[in-house]
Amino acid sequence: MEVGIKVIAENIQTQAKRHVNSCFFTMVAMDEERRPKPVPPLRPFTPDEKRRSLAAEACKGMRLEMEQRFADV
């Protein structure tokens, strides 16, 4: 599972907010023997969930493509 993280900083005096960092955090479900195990896929329902799901699939595809390119070097 990949979780998107967006960090927003806020100036408490002016309440001005700004985006300071974004990243993706990958988590893997483990069984009792500490081996990766499958989990049911996420089912997006709302337009925002569907948009994020499509974006996540695109990111995953690009990441896998980059991993393959570096493996070929």
N, C-alpha and C. Protein backbone atom coordinates (compact mmCIF):
# COMPACT_ATOMS: atom_id res chain seq x y z
N MET A 1 0.85 -1.16 0.00
CA MET A 1 0.00 0.00 0.00
C MET A 1 0.89 1.22 0.00
N GLU A 2 0.59 2.16 -0.86
CA GLU A 2 1.30 3.42 -0.88
C GLU A 2 0.41 4.50 -0.30
N VAL A 3 0.94 5.24 0.65
CA VAL A 3 0.20 6.32 1.31
C VAL A 3 0.84 7.64 0.93
N GLY A 4 0.05 8.56 0.40
CA GLY A 4 0.56 9.88 0.08
C GLY A 4 0.54 10.78 1.31
N ILE A 5 1.63 11.51 1.49
CA ILE A 5 1.75 12.41 2.64
C ILE A 5 2.05 13.81 2.12
N LYS A 6 1.27 14.78 2.57
CA LYS A 6 1.48 16.17 2.20
C LYS A 6 1.66 16.96 3.48
N VAL A 7 2.76 17.70 3.58
CA VAL A 7 3.06 18.46 4.79
C VAL A 7 2.82 19.94 4.51
N ILE A 8 2.00 20.55 5.37
CA ILE A 8 1.67 21.97 5.27
C ILE A 8 2.21 22.67 6.52
N ALA A 9 2.97 23.76 6.31
CA ALA A 9 3.45 24.57 7.43
C ALA A 9 2.56 25.79 7.56
N GLU A 10 2.30 26.20 8.80
CA GLU A 10 1.47 27.36 9.04
C GLU A 10 2.18 28.32 9.99
N ASN A 11 2.22 29.59 9.60
CA ASN A 11 2.74 30.63 10.47
C ASN A 11 1.63 30.97 11.46
N ILE A 12 1.85 30.69 12.74
CA ILE A 12 0.78 30.88 13.72
C ILE A 12 0.44 32.36 13.95
N GLN A 13 1.34 33.26 13.57
CA GLN A 13 1.05 34.68 13.75
C GLN A 13 0.19 35.23 12.63
N THR A 14 0.45 34.78 11.39
CA THR A 14 -0.29 35.32 10.24
C THR A 14 -1.31 34.33 9.67
N GLN A 15 -1.28 33.10 10.12
CA GLN A 15 -2.11 32.01 9.60
C GLN A 15 -1.82 31.70 8.13
N ALA A 16 -0.68 32.19 7.63
CA ALA A 16 -0.29 31.87 6.27
C ALA A 16 0.15 30.41 6.21
N LYS A 17 -0.36 29.69 5.22
CA LYS A 17 -0.04 28.27 5.06
C LYS A 17 0.75 28.08 3.77
N ARG A 18 1.66 27.10 3.82
CA ARG A 18 2.41 26.78 2.60
C ARG A 18 2.76 25.30 2.58
N HIS A 19 2.79 24.76 1.39
CA HIS A 19 3.15 23.36 1.19
C HIS A 19 4.67 23.26 1.30
N VAL A 20 5.16 22.39 2.19
CA VAL A 20 6.60 22.29 2.40
C VAL A 20 7.19 20.95 1.98
N ASN A 21 6.36 19.91 1.86
CA ASN A 21 6.92 18.61 1.49
C ASN A 21 5.79 17.66 1.08
N SER A 22 6.10 16.75 0.17
CA SER A 22 5.20 15.67 -0.22
C SER A 22 6.02 14.42 -0.40
N CYS A 23 5.42 13.28 -0.09
CA CYS A 23 6.13 12.02 -0.31
C CYS A 23 5.12 10.88 -0.33
N PHE A 24 5.60 9.71 -0.69
CA PHE A 24 4.80 8.50 -0.64
C PHE A 24 5.48 7.53 0.31
N PHE A 25 4.70 6.91 1.14
CA PHE A 25 5.17 5.96 2.14
C PHE A 25 4.59 4.61 1.76
N THR A 26 5.45 3.61 1.58
CA THR A 26 4.99 2.28 1.17
C THR A 26 4.92 1.36 2.38
N MET A 27 3.77 0.71 2.54
CA MET A 27 3.58 -0.23 3.65
C MET A 27 3.24 -1.61 3.06
N VAL A 28 3.68 -2.65 3.75
CA VAL A 28 3.44 -4.02 3.32
C VAL A 28 2.79 -4.78 4.47
N ALA A 29 1.67 -5.46 4.18
CA ALA A 29 1.02 -6.30 5.20
C ALA A 29 1.85 -7.57 5.40
N MET A 30 1.96 -8.00 6.65
CA MET A 30 2.78 -9.17 6.97
C MET A 30 1.91 -10.23 7.64
N ASP A 31 2.25 -11.50 7.40
CA ASP A 31 1.56 -12.59 8.08
C ASP A 31 2.28 -12.92 9.39
N GLU A 32 1.86 -14.00 10.04
CA GLU A 32 2.43 -14.37 11.33
C GLU A 32 3.91 -14.74 11.24
N GLU A 33 4.34 -15.20 10.05
CA GLU A 33 5.76 -15.54 9.85
C GLU A 33 6.57 -14.35 9.31
N ARG A 34 5.96 -13.16 9.35
CA ARG A 34 6.60 -11.92 8.90
C ARG A 34 6.93 -11.95 7.42
N ARG A 35 6.06 -12.58 6.64
CA ARG A 35 6.19 -12.58 5.19
C ARG A 35 5.09 -11.69 4.61
N PRO A 36 5.37 -11.04 3.48
CA PRO A 36 4.33 -10.20 2.86
C PRO A 36 3.09 -11.03 2.55
N LYS A 37 1.92 -10.42 2.76
CA LYS A 37 0.68 -11.10 2.44
C LYS A 37 -0.26 -10.14 1.71
N PRO A 38 -1.11 -10.67 0.84
CA PRO A 38 -2.01 -9.79 0.09
C PRO A 38 -3.12 -9.23 0.97
N VAL A 39 -3.60 -8.08 0.57
CA VAL A 39 -4.75 -7.46 1.24
C VAL A 39 -5.80 -7.15 0.16
N PRO A 40 -7.07 -7.05 0.53
CA PRO A 40 -8.10 -6.72 -0.47
C PRO A 40 -7.81 -5.36 -1.10
N PRO A 41 -8.06 -5.23 -2.39
CA PRO A 41 -7.81 -3.93 -3.04
C PRO A 41 -8.79 -2.87 -2.54
N LEU A 42 -8.32 -1.64 -2.58
CA LEU A 42 -9.15 -0.49 -2.21
C LEU A 42 -10.19 -0.27 -3.30
N ARG A 43 -11.41 0.02 -2.91
CA ARG A 43 -12.47 0.31 -3.88
C ARG A 43 -12.86 1.77 -3.76
N PRO A 44 -12.36 2.61 -4.67
CA PRO A 44 -12.71 4.04 -4.60
C PRO A 44 -14.17 4.27 -5.03
N PHE A 45 -14.86 5.15 -4.32
CA PHE A 45 -16.26 5.45 -4.64
C PHE A 45 -16.47 6.89 -5.05
N THR A 46 -15.92 7.83 -4.27
CA THR A 46 -16.16 9.24 -4.56
C THR A 46 -15.28 9.70 -5.71
N PRO A 47 -15.63 10.80 -6.36
CA PRO A 47 -14.78 11.32 -7.44
C PRO A 47 -13.34 11.59 -6.97
N ASP A 48 -13.19 12.10 -5.74
CA ASP A 48 -11.85 12.37 -5.22
C ASP A 48 -11.08 11.06 -5.01
N GLU A 49 -11.74 10.05 -4.47
CA GLU A 49 -11.08 8.74 -4.28
C GLU A 49 -10.69 8.14 -5.62
N LYS A 50 -11.56 8.27 -6.61
CA LYS A 50 -11.25 7.73 -7.95
C LYS A 50 -10.07 8.47 -8.58
N ARG A 51 -10.06 9.81 -8.43
CA ARG A 51 -8.94 10.60 -8.97
C ARG A 51 -7.63 10.19 -8.32
N ARG A 52 -7.65 10.05 -6.99
CA ARG A 52 -6.43 9.67 -6.28
C ARG A 52 -5.99 8.25 -6.64
N SER A 53 -6.95 7.37 -6.83
CA SER A 53 -6.62 5.99 -7.20
C SER A 53 -5.94 5.94 -8.57
N LEU A 54 -6.49 6.68 -9.53
CA LEU A 54 -5.87 6.74 -10.86
C LEU A 54 -4.48 7.35 -10.80
N ALA A 55 -4.32 8.41 -10.01
CA ALA A 55 -3.00 9.04 -9.86
C ALA A 55 -2.01 8.08 -9.22
N ALA A 56 -2.47 7.31 -8.23
CA ALA A 56 -1.59 6.34 -7.57
C ALA A 56 -1.15 5.25 -8.55
N GLU A 57 -2.06 4.78 -9.37
CA GLU A 57 -1.69 3.77 -10.37
C GLU A 57 -0.66 4.32 -11.35
N ALA A 58 -0.83 5.59 -11.75
CA ALA A 58 0.13 6.22 -12.66
C ALA A 58 1.50 6.33 -11.99
N CYS A 59 1.53 6.75 -10.73
CA CYS A 59 2.80 6.86 -9.99
C CYS A 59 3.47 5.50 -9.87
N LYS A 60 2.69 4.50 -9.55
CA LYS A 60 3.25 3.16 -9.42
C LYS A 60 3.84 2.69 -10.74
N GLY A 61 3.14 2.94 -11.82
CA GLY A 61 3.65 2.56 -13.14
C GLY A 61 4.96 3.26 -13.46
N MET A 62 5.04 4.54 -13.17
CA MET A 62 6.29 5.29 -13.42
C MET A 62 7.42 4.78 -12.54
N ARG A 63 7.11 4.49 -11.27
CA ARG A 63 8.14 3.99 -10.36
C ARG A 63 8.67 2.63 -10.85
N LEU A 64 7.78 1.74 -11.25
CA LEU A 64 8.21 0.43 -11.74
C LEU A 64 9.03 0.56 -13.02
N GLU A 65 8.64 1.49 -13.89
CA GLU A 65 9.40 1.73 -15.11
C GLU A 65 10.80 2.24 -14.79
N MET A 66 10.92 3.17 -13.83
CA MET A 66 12.24 3.69 -13.45
C MET A 66 13.09 2.59 -12.82
N GLU A 67 12.49 1.75 -11.98
CA GLU A 67 13.24 0.64 -11.40
C GLU A 67 13.79 -0.27 -12.49
N GLN A 68 12.98 -0.53 -13.51
CA GLN A 68 13.43 -1.39 -14.60
C GLN A 68 14.56 -0.73 -15.39
N ARG A 69 14.44 0.57 -15.65
CA ARG A 69 15.49 1.29 -16.39
C ARG A 69 16.81 1.23 -15.63
N PHE A 70 16.78 1.44 -14.30
CA PHE A 70 18.01 1.40 -13.53
C PHE A 70 18.56 -0.02 -13.44
N ALA A 71 17.69 -1.01 -13.43
CA ALA A 71 18.16 -2.40 -13.39
C ALA A 71 18.86 -2.78 -14.69
N ASP A 72 18.47 -2.15 -15.80
CA ASP A 72 19.05 -2.44 -17.09
C ASP A 72 20.40 -1.76 -17.30
N VAL A 73 20.76 -0.81 -16.46
CA VAL A 73 22.01 -0.06 -16.63
C VAL A 73 23.19 -0.85 -16.11
